[in-house]
Every structure is written in structure tokens, then in C-alpha cells.
Amino acid sequence: MNVAATLPLAFVMIAGPQIISAFFFATSERWRAVSAAYVLGAAVSVLAVVTIAYFVAKGITSGGSDGGDSKSDTLDYVIVGLLVLLIVYVFLRRKRSEPPKWMGKLQTATPRFGFTLGFLLLGVFPSDLICSIVIGTHLANHSDPWWHALPFVFLTLFLLALPALLVLALGQRAQTMLPKVRDWMDTNSWIVSEIVLVFFIVIVLG
């Protein structure tokens, strides 16, 4: 159940500039190399943050036999607190006046730039950092093995790679479809993110 419950958070991970960047890369001249580098950079950072959070939480919960249940309950409250903070963050960022300046470089990006951006957006961006910490902490707190985080990681990477996969499958037709999907995601993804976060809070408290 814990593994299945973590999967919807993959959408929160990619909502915002993360998936928008993937759409821009998929329609750039070097879309294959740049998109692959972008997903690779994201893979490195997501795996690193989830793994660190998992083993830190594992060390807290297994640090002695006394107060084990109390430590577990405390970690659950920390997770809920982080999720509430993330709900507020997503709500406040639902309307952006101007896109970041770096987005102007996406159409002419190099693979190195794609890797760096993937690493930073999925590993340092506040919403993604909180999500990854929540995943690792939640699984460790419920005594799930580390590899149970992999479905969440793989789904996140698949969603990031989806624009490039659509170009690969649809060819020129994707060039007209992707901008429409990108605009919809940019406008409405925050609503889906809020629903997913509330759902996960219910799971944790339950």
C-alpha cells in the first residue's frame, strides 16, 4: 500500500517548470540528446535525495528500542507538516507573471545544460526536494525496503521523458500537439498537485 500511495506524488514532482522544460527540450533541434541528459540529471538528483532521506529516517527509527512508536509518530507529523508546507507553496505559485529567464535558453540548450537543469529542478527545487524527502522518510518510517522507492522514481522519470517519447512516436504531429498540452499543464497542474498532496496526507494520518 505504501508503494502505491507514493506513485501519485510523481505528478507533483514534474508539475511546473520541470515538465514545461521537458516540453521545450522535446521541440528543440537536439531534442534526443538534450531530453536524455535532462532525464539523466533528474534521475541522479531524485535517487540521491530519496536515498539520503530514507537512510536518515531509518537511522532515527532504529536508534534504540525505547520510544520506537513515539519516533515513528513524530516522523509522521514531520511528513504531514512538510506536505502542508508544500500545499501552501504550490498554491502561492499557481500564478506566475513572467517565466524564468533561463527558459529562453531551452530551445538552444546543450546536453550539459539539460543534465544540469534536470539535476537542479528535480533535486533542489523546493517542491521536488520536499516530495523526495517525504517519499524516503515515509517508506523508512513504515519499515519498507529502500527499493520500494524505485517505482516512484521511475514514474517520475517516465513522465519527464513523455514529451520526447511522444515526438519519437508521433513525429511531426507532436509538434502541434505538445504546445497545447504544455499550456494546459502550465495552467492546471497545480490543481492536480493539491489533490494528490491532500490524498497523501490522508494516507499518512490513516
Protein backbone atom coordinates (compact mmCIF):
# COMPACT_ATOMS: atom_id res chain seq x y z
CA MET A 1 0.00 0.00 0.00
CA ASN A 2 2.86 2.38 0.80
CA VAL A 3 4.37 1.85 -2.66
CA ALA A 4 1.07 2.52 -4.44
CA ALA A 5 0.40 5.57 -2.28
CA THR A 6 3.72 7.17 -3.27
CA LEU A 7 3.11 6.96 -7.02
CA PRO A 8 0.72 9.96 -7.36
CA LEU A 9 3.42 12.20 -5.88
CA ALA A 10 5.35 11.68 -9.10
CA PHE A 11 2.91 14.09 -10.71
CA VAL A 12 3.71 16.72 -8.08
CA MET A 13 7.39 16.21 -8.86
CA ILE A 14 7.01 17.10 -12.52
CA ALA A 15 4.29 19.77 -12.29
CA GLY A 16 5.57 23.25 -13.09
CA PRO A 17 8.87 24.19 -14.76
CA GLN A 18 10.01 20.55 -14.63
CA ILE A 19 7.54 19.26 -17.24
CA ILE A 20 7.45 22.59 -19.10
CA SER A 21 11.22 22.30 -19.62
CA ALA A 22 10.74 18.73 -20.87
CA PHE A 23 8.25 20.01 -23.48
CA PHE A 24 10.65 22.71 -24.64
CA PHE A 25 13.52 20.23 -24.91
CA ALA A 26 11.33 17.82 -26.90
CA THR A 27 10.74 20.50 -29.54
CA SER A 28 14.35 21.72 -29.74
CA GLU A 29 16.84 20.90 -32.50
CA ARG A 30 18.88 18.42 -30.42
CA TRP A 31 15.84 17.02 -28.66
CA ARG A 32 17.10 13.43 -28.34
CA ALA A 33 20.40 14.21 -26.64
CA VAL A 34 19.11 17.10 -24.53
CA SER A 35 15.98 15.26 -23.36
CA ALA A 36 18.03 12.19 -22.41
CA ALA A 37 20.52 14.33 -20.49
CA TYR A 38 17.66 16.13 -18.73
CA VAL A 39 16.10 12.87 -17.55
CA LEU A 40 19.51 11.52 -16.51
CA GLY A 41 20.21 14.60 -14.39
CA ALA A 42 16.79 14.26 -12.78
CA ALA A 43 17.45 10.56 -12.06
CA VAL A 44 20.70 11.32 -10.24
CA SER A 45 19.21 14.02 -8.01
CA VAL A 46 15.91 12.25 -7.20
CA LEU A 47 17.64 9.00 -6.32
CA ALA A 48 20.19 10.85 -4.17
CA VAL A 49 17.62 12.84 -2.15
CA VAL A 50 15.24 9.89 -1.68
CA THR A 51 18.11 7.62 -0.60
CA ILE A 52 19.56 10.12 1.88
CA ALA A 53 16.12 10.81 3.37
CA TYR A 54 15.39 7.09 3.60
CA PHE A 55 18.56 6.16 5.49
CA VAL A 56 18.40 9.21 7.77
CA ALA A 57 14.83 8.29 8.74
CA LYS A 58 15.85 4.64 9.07
CA GLY A 59 18.59 5.64 11.49
CA ILE A 60 16.14 7.70 13.55
CA THR A 61 13.53 4.95 13.84
CA SER A 62 16.07 2.21 14.58
CA GLY A 63 18.15 4.25 17.02
CA GLY A 64 17.42 2.18 20.07
CA SER A 65 14.42 0.14 21.19
CA ASP A 66 12.94 2.75 23.54
CA GLY A 67 10.38 5.12 22.12
CA GLY A 68 10.19 3.44 18.72
CA ASP A 69 6.49 4.13 18.30
CA SER A 70 6.96 7.69 19.51
CA LYS A 71 9.71 8.30 16.95
CA SER A 72 7.54 6.85 14.21
CA ASP A 73 4.61 9.07 15.16
CA THR A 74 6.91 12.09 15.24
CA LEU A 75 8.17 11.35 11.74
CA ASP A 76 4.57 11.05 10.53
CA TYR A 77 3.87 14.51 11.93
CA VAL A 78 7.00 15.84 10.22
CA ILE A 79 5.81 14.34 6.92
CA VAL A 80 2.37 15.92 7.32
CA GLY A 81 3.99 19.26 8.18
CA LEU A 82 6.14 19.11 5.04
CA LEU A 83 3.11 18.24 2.92
CA VAL A 84 1.10 21.13 4.34
CA LEU A 85 4.03 23.43 3.61
CA LEU A 86 4.12 22.07 0.06
CA ILE A 87 0.37 22.63 -0.38
CA VAL A 88 0.83 26.28 0.57
CA TYR A 89 3.87 26.61 -1.71
CA VAL A 90 2.03 25.14 -4.72
CA PHE A 91 -0.98 27.38 -4.09
CA LEU A 92 1.11 30.53 -3.86
CA ARG A 93 2.95 29.68 -7.10
CA ARG A 94 -0.19 28.85 -9.07
CA LYS A 95 0.01 32.20 -10.90
CA ARG A 96 3.34 33.23 -12.35
CA SER A 97 3.64 36.62 -14.01
CA GLU A 98 6.80 36.02 -16.07
CA PRO A 99 8.64 32.79 -16.95
CA PRO A 100 12.19 32.46 -15.57
CA LYS A 101 14.90 33.95 -17.78
CA TRP A 102 16.63 30.58 -18.18
CA MET A 103 13.60 29.24 -20.08
CA GLY A 104 14.65 31.36 -23.02
CA LYS A 105 17.69 29.10 -23.43
CA LEU A 106 15.78 25.82 -23.63
CA GLN A 107 15.27 25.73 -27.40
CA THR A 108 19.03 26.02 -27.99
CA ALA A 109 20.18 24.06 -24.93
CA THR A 110 23.14 21.68 -24.94
CA PRO A 111 23.06 18.22 -23.29
CA ARG A 112 25.23 19.59 -20.47
CA PHE A 113 22.69 22.33 -19.81
CA GLY A 114 19.88 19.75 -19.91
CA PHE A 115 21.65 17.50 -17.39
CA THR A 116 22.36 20.41 -15.05
CA LEU A 117 18.80 21.70 -15.24
CA GLY A 118 17.36 18.23 -14.60
CA PHE A 119 19.62 17.78 -11.61
CA LEU A 120 18.73 21.17 -10.11
CA LEU A 121 15.00 21.24 -10.84
CA LEU A 122 14.33 17.73 -9.54
CA GLY A 123 16.82 17.85 -6.67
CA VAL A 124 16.96 21.43 -5.42
CA PHE A 125 13.61 22.95 -6.46
CA PRO A 126 11.64 23.29 -3.17
CA SER A 127 8.59 21.25 -4.18
CA ASP A 128 10.68 18.37 -5.53
CA LEU A 129 13.09 18.43 -2.62
CA ILE A 130 10.18 18.16 -0.15
CA CYS A 131 8.50 15.40 -2.17
CA SER A 132 11.64 13.28 -2.34
CA ILE A 133 12.28 13.74 1.39
CA VAL A 134 8.67 12.76 2.12
CA ILE A 135 8.94 9.60 -0.01
CA GLY A 136 12.18 8.41 1.59
CA THR A 137 11.04 9.24 5.12
CA HIS A 138 7.59 7.67 4.69
CA LEU A 139 8.94 4.37 3.38
CA ALA A 140 11.63 4.14 6.07
CA ASN A 141 9.14 5.03 8.79
CA HIS A 142 6.91 2.13 7.74
CA SER A 143 9.81 -0.35 7.51
CA ASP A 144 9.56 -0.70 3.74
CA PRO A 145 12.77 -1.62 1.89
CA TRP A 146 14.65 1.11 0.02
CA TRP A 147 13.84 -0.33 -3.39
CA HIS A 148 10.14 0.40 -2.81
CA ALA A 149 11.03 3.99 -3.74
CA LEU A 150 12.07 2.91 -7.24
CA PRO A 151 8.53 2.78 -8.75
CA PHE A 152 8.06 6.42 -7.69
CA VAL A 153 11.44 7.37 -9.18
CA PHE A 154 10.81 5.51 -12.43
CA LEU A 155 7.33 7.01 -12.84
CA THR A 156 8.75 10.50 -12.27
CA LEU A 157 11.40 9.91 -14.93
CA PHE A 158 8.86 8.41 -17.33
CA LEU A 159 6.64 11.49 -17.03
CA LEU A 160 9.65 13.73 -17.70
CA ALA A 161 10.57 11.64 -20.74
CA LEU A 162 6.99 11.53 -22.05
CA PRO A 163 7.22 14.65 -24.29
CA ALA A 164 10.29 13.22 -26.04
CA LEU A 165 8.63 9.80 -26.32
CA LEU A 166 5.61 11.43 -27.95
CA VAL A 167 7.86 13.12 -30.50
CA LEU A 168 9.51 9.76 -31.16
CA ALA A 169 6.13 8.07 -31.64
CA LEU A 170 4.16 10.79 -33.42
CA GLY A 171 6.81 12.67 -35.37
CA GLN A 172 5.63 15.96 -36.85
CA ARG A 173 2.15 15.60 -35.36
CA ALA A 174 3.68 16.02 -31.91
CA GLN A 175 4.97 19.46 -32.87
CA THR A 176 1.41 20.82 -32.95
CA MET A 177 0.09 18.78 -30.04
CA LEU A 178 2.85 19.35 -27.48
CA PRO A 179 2.47 23.15 -27.14
CA LYS A 180 -1.25 22.69 -26.35
CA VAL A 181 -0.52 20.05 -23.71
CA ARG A 182 2.27 22.22 -22.31
CA ASP A 183 -0.05 25.22 -21.93
CA TRP A 184 -2.70 23.08 -20.23
CA MET A 185 -0.14 21.67 -17.80
CA ASP A 186 1.20 25.12 -17.04
CA THR A 187 -2.30 26.38 -16.21
CA ASN A 188 -3.91 23.44 -14.42
CA SER A 189 -1.20 21.20 -12.96
CA TRP A 190 -1.32 22.96 -9.59
CA ILE A 191 -4.92 21.76 -9.05
CA VAL A 192 -3.96 18.12 -9.58
CA SER A 193 -0.93 18.60 -7.33
CA GLU A 194 -3.08 19.93 -4.48
CA ILE A 195 -5.47 16.96 -4.78
CA VAL A 196 -2.57 14.49 -4.72
CA LEU A 197 -0.98 16.15 -1.67
CA VAL A 198 -4.23 16.12 0.31
CA PHE A 199 -4.68 12.45 -0.64
CA PHE A 200 -1.21 11.59 0.65
CA ILE A 201 -1.83 13.44 3.93
CA VAL A 202 -4.93 11.27 4.42
CA ILE A 203 -2.80 8.17 3.77
CA VAL A 204 -0.16 9.22 6.31
CA LEU A 205 -2.69 10.13 9.01
CA GLY A 206 -4.64 6.95 8.36
